């Protein structure tokens, strides 16, 4: 089961989530857990939420919705 800490990776401490982001996180977790169950294999989140400088560091697009 995917949990919030897998996606947030502790970054919410420096970049607090808005209420919209919290709502979207809940929806994402439900969807990912359904997918994980259907996939039937172990899955690891290797790149979760990338706010601010984390996205820059990863070479992400300035317009990234990652």
N, C-alpha and C. Protein backbone atom coordinates (compact mmCIF):
# COMPACT_ATOMS: atom_id res chain seq x y z
N UNK A 1 0.84 -1.19 0.00
CA UNK A 1 0.00 0.00 0.00
C UNK A 1 0.89 1.25 0.00
N UNK A 2 0.60 2.16 -0.90
CA UNK A 2 1.32 3.43 -0.95
C UNK A 2 0.79 4.33 0.16
N UNK A 3 1.71 4.95 0.85
CA UNK A 3 1.37 5.89 1.91
C UNK A 3 1.90 7.27 1.54
N UNK A 4 1.36 8.29 2.18
CA UNK A 4 1.74 9.67 1.87
C UNK A 4 3.24 9.90 1.99
N UNK A 5 3.89 9.29 2.96
CA UNK A 5 5.32 9.56 3.16
C UNK A 5 6.17 9.06 1.98
N UNK A 6 5.68 8.07 1.24
CA UNK A 6 6.41 7.60 0.06
C UNK A 6 6.43 8.66 -1.03
N UNK A 7 5.35 9.39 -1.16
CA UNK A 7 5.23 10.40 -2.21
C UNK A 7 5.85 11.72 -1.77
N UNK A 8 5.62 12.10 -0.53
CA UNK A 8 6.10 13.40 -0.05
C UNK A 8 7.60 13.39 0.26
N UNK A 9 8.14 12.26 0.65
CA UNK A 9 9.56 12.09 0.90
C UNK A 9 10.11 13.10 1.91
N UNK A 10 9.26 13.54 2.85
CA UNK A 10 9.68 14.48 3.89
C UNK A 10 9.75 15.92 3.43
N UNK A 11 9.48 16.17 2.17
CA UNK A 11 9.62 17.52 1.62
C UNK A 11 8.53 18.47 2.09
N UNK A 12 7.45 17.91 2.61
CA UNK A 12 6.36 18.76 3.10
C UNK A 12 6.77 19.56 4.33
N UNK A 13 7.85 19.16 4.97
CA UNK A 13 8.33 19.92 6.13
C UNK A 13 8.87 21.28 5.71
N UNK A 14 9.54 21.34 4.57
CA UNK A 14 10.06 22.61 4.06
C UNK A 14 9.07 23.34 3.17
N UNK A 15 8.20 22.56 2.54
CA UNK A 15 7.21 23.12 1.61
C UNK A 15 5.83 22.60 2.01
N UNK A 16 5.18 23.23 3.00
CA UNK A 16 3.88 22.75 3.47
C UNK A 16 2.85 22.66 2.34
N UNK A 17 2.00 21.65 2.45
CA UNK A 17 0.98 21.41 1.43
C UNK A 17 -0.22 22.32 1.64
N UNK A 18 -0.74 22.82 0.54
CA UNK A 18 -1.99 23.59 0.59
C UNK A 18 -3.14 22.60 0.73
N UNK A 19 -4.32 23.10 1.00
CA UNK A 19 -5.48 22.22 1.11
C UNK A 19 -5.77 21.53 -0.24
N UNK A 20 -5.55 22.24 -1.36
CA UNK A 20 -5.74 21.62 -2.68
C UNK A 20 -4.74 20.48 -2.89
N UNK A 21 -3.49 20.70 -2.50
CA UNK A 21 -2.49 19.63 -2.65
C UNK A 21 -2.82 18.44 -1.76
N UNK A 22 -3.32 18.69 -0.57
CA UNK A 22 -3.72 17.59 0.32
C UNK A 22 -4.86 16.80 -0.28
N UNK A 23 -5.85 17.49 -0.85
CA UNK A 23 -6.97 16.80 -1.51
C UNK A 23 -6.47 15.95 -2.68
N UNK A 24 -5.59 16.53 -3.49
CA UNK A 24 -5.05 15.80 -4.64
C UNK A 24 -4.19 14.62 -4.19
N UNK A 25 -3.45 14.78 -3.11
CA UNK A 25 -2.64 13.70 -2.58
C UNK A 25 -3.52 12.52 -2.19
N UNK A 26 -4.63 12.80 -1.54
CA UNK A 26 -5.56 11.73 -1.15
C UNK A 26 -6.09 10.97 -2.36
N UNK A 27 -6.46 11.71 -3.40
CA UNK A 27 -6.96 11.08 -4.63
C UNK A 27 -5.86 10.26 -5.31
N UNK A 28 -4.65 10.81 -5.33
CA UNK A 28 -3.53 10.11 -5.94
C UNK A 28 -3.23 8.80 -5.23
N UNK A 29 -3.25 8.83 -3.91
CA UNK A 29 -2.96 7.63 -3.13
C UNK A 29 -3.99 6.54 -3.41
N UNK A 30 -5.26 6.90 -3.46
CA UNK A 30 -6.31 5.92 -3.77
C UNK A 30 -6.06 5.30 -5.14
N UNK A 31 -5.78 6.14 -6.14
CA UNK A 31 -5.55 5.65 -7.50
C UNK A 31 -4.30 4.78 -7.59
N UNK A 32 -3.22 5.22 -6.97
CA UNK A 32 -1.98 4.44 -7.02
C UNK A 32 -2.13 3.09 -6.33
N UNK A 33 -2.86 3.07 -5.24
CA UNK A 33 -3.06 1.80 -4.54
C UNK A 33 -3.92 0.83 -5.36
N UNK A 34 -4.90 1.35 -6.10
CA UNK A 34 -5.69 0.50 -7.00
C UNK A 34 -4.79 -0.07 -8.09
N UNK A 35 -3.96 0.80 -8.67
CA UNK A 35 -3.04 0.37 -9.72
C UNK A 35 -2.06 -0.67 -9.17
N UNK A 36 -1.52 -0.41 -8.01
CA UNK A 36 -0.55 -1.33 -7.40
C UNK A 36 -1.17 -2.70 -7.18
N UNK A 37 -2.43 -2.72 -6.74
CA UNK A 37 -3.12 -3.99 -6.52
C UNK A 37 -3.32 -4.74 -7.84
N UNK A 38 -3.73 -4.03 -8.88
CA UNK A 38 -3.92 -4.66 -10.19
C UNK A 38 -2.61 -5.12 -10.81
N UNK A 39 -1.56 -4.37 -10.62
CA UNK A 39 -0.26 -4.69 -11.18
C UNK A 39 0.29 -5.99 -10.57
N UNK A 40 0.08 -6.16 -9.28
CA UNK A 40 0.43 -7.40 -8.61
C UNK A 40 1.90 -7.62 -8.33
N UNK A 41 2.72 -6.64 -8.56
CA UNK A 41 4.16 -6.74 -8.29
C UNK A 41 4.55 -5.65 -7.31
N UNK A 42 5.68 -5.86 -6.65
CA UNK A 42 6.18 -4.84 -5.73
C UNK A 42 6.55 -3.59 -6.53
N UNK A 43 6.15 -2.44 -6.02
CA UNK A 43 6.46 -1.17 -6.66
C UNK A 43 7.05 -0.24 -5.62
N UNK A 44 8.03 0.54 -6.04
CA UNK A 44 8.69 1.49 -5.15
C UNK A 44 8.59 2.88 -5.78
N UNK A 45 8.18 3.85 -5.00
CA UNK A 45 8.15 5.24 -5.47
C UNK A 45 9.59 5.74 -5.40
N UNK A 46 10.16 6.05 -6.56
CA UNK A 46 11.56 6.49 -6.59
C UNK A 46 11.69 8.01 -6.74
N UNK A 47 10.62 8.66 -7.15
CA UNK A 47 10.64 10.10 -7.30
C UNK A 47 9.24 10.61 -7.00
N UNK A 48 9.09 11.19 -5.85
CA UNK A 48 7.77 11.66 -5.42
C UNK A 48 7.56 13.13 -5.72
N UNK A 49 6.99 13.82 -4.77
CA UNK A 49 6.65 15.23 -4.91
C UNK A 49 7.93 16.06 -5.01
N UNK A 50 8.00 16.94 -6.02
CA UNK A 50 9.20 17.75 -6.23
C UNK A 50 8.87 19.24 -6.22
N UNK A 51 8.77 19.83 -5.06
CA UNK A 51 8.54 21.27 -5.01
C UNK A 51 9.86 22.03 -5.22
N UNK A 52 9.73 23.26 -5.67
CA UNK A 52 10.85 24.20 -5.71
C UNK A 52 12.17 23.66 -6.22
N UNK A 53 13.19 23.79 -5.39
CA UNK A 53 14.54 23.44 -5.80
C UNK A 53 14.72 21.95 -6.06
N UNK A 54 13.86 21.08 -5.53
CA UNK A 54 13.95 19.65 -5.82
C UNK A 54 13.69 19.38 -7.31
N UNK A 55 12.74 20.10 -7.88
CA UNK A 55 12.45 19.95 -9.29
C UNK A 55 13.60 20.50 -10.13
N UNK A 56 14.18 21.63 -9.71
CA UNK A 56 15.34 22.19 -10.42
C UNK A 56 16.50 21.20 -10.38
N UNK A 57 16.77 20.65 -9.21
CA UNK A 57 17.87 19.71 -9.02
C UNK A 57 17.72 18.47 -9.90
N UNK A 58 16.47 18.01 -10.09
CA UNK A 58 16.20 16.83 -10.90
C UNK A 58 16.17 17.13 -12.40
N UNK A 59 16.35 18.40 -12.75
CA UNK A 59 16.31 18.79 -14.16
C UNK A 59 14.90 18.83 -14.71
N UNK A 60 13.92 19.00 -13.81
CA UNK A 60 12.52 19.05 -14.22
C UNK A 60 12.15 20.34 -14.92
N UNK A 61 11.11 20.29 -15.67
CA UNK A 61 10.61 21.45 -16.40
C UNK A 61 10.09 22.50 -15.42
N UNK A 62 10.26 23.75 -15.79
CA UNK A 62 9.73 24.85 -14.95
C UNK A 62 8.21 24.76 -14.85
N UNK A 63 7.56 24.16 -15.85
CA UNK A 63 6.11 24.03 -15.87
C UNK A 63 5.67 22.62 -15.45
N UNK A 64 6.56 21.88 -14.81
CA UNK A 64 6.27 20.51 -14.43
C UNK A 64 5.14 20.46 -13.41
N UNK A 65 4.25 19.49 -13.62
CA UNK A 65 3.19 19.24 -12.63
C UNK A 65 3.59 18.03 -11.78
N UNK A 66 4.87 17.70 -11.78
CA UNK A 66 5.39 16.52 -11.06
C UNK A 66 5.13 16.67 -9.58
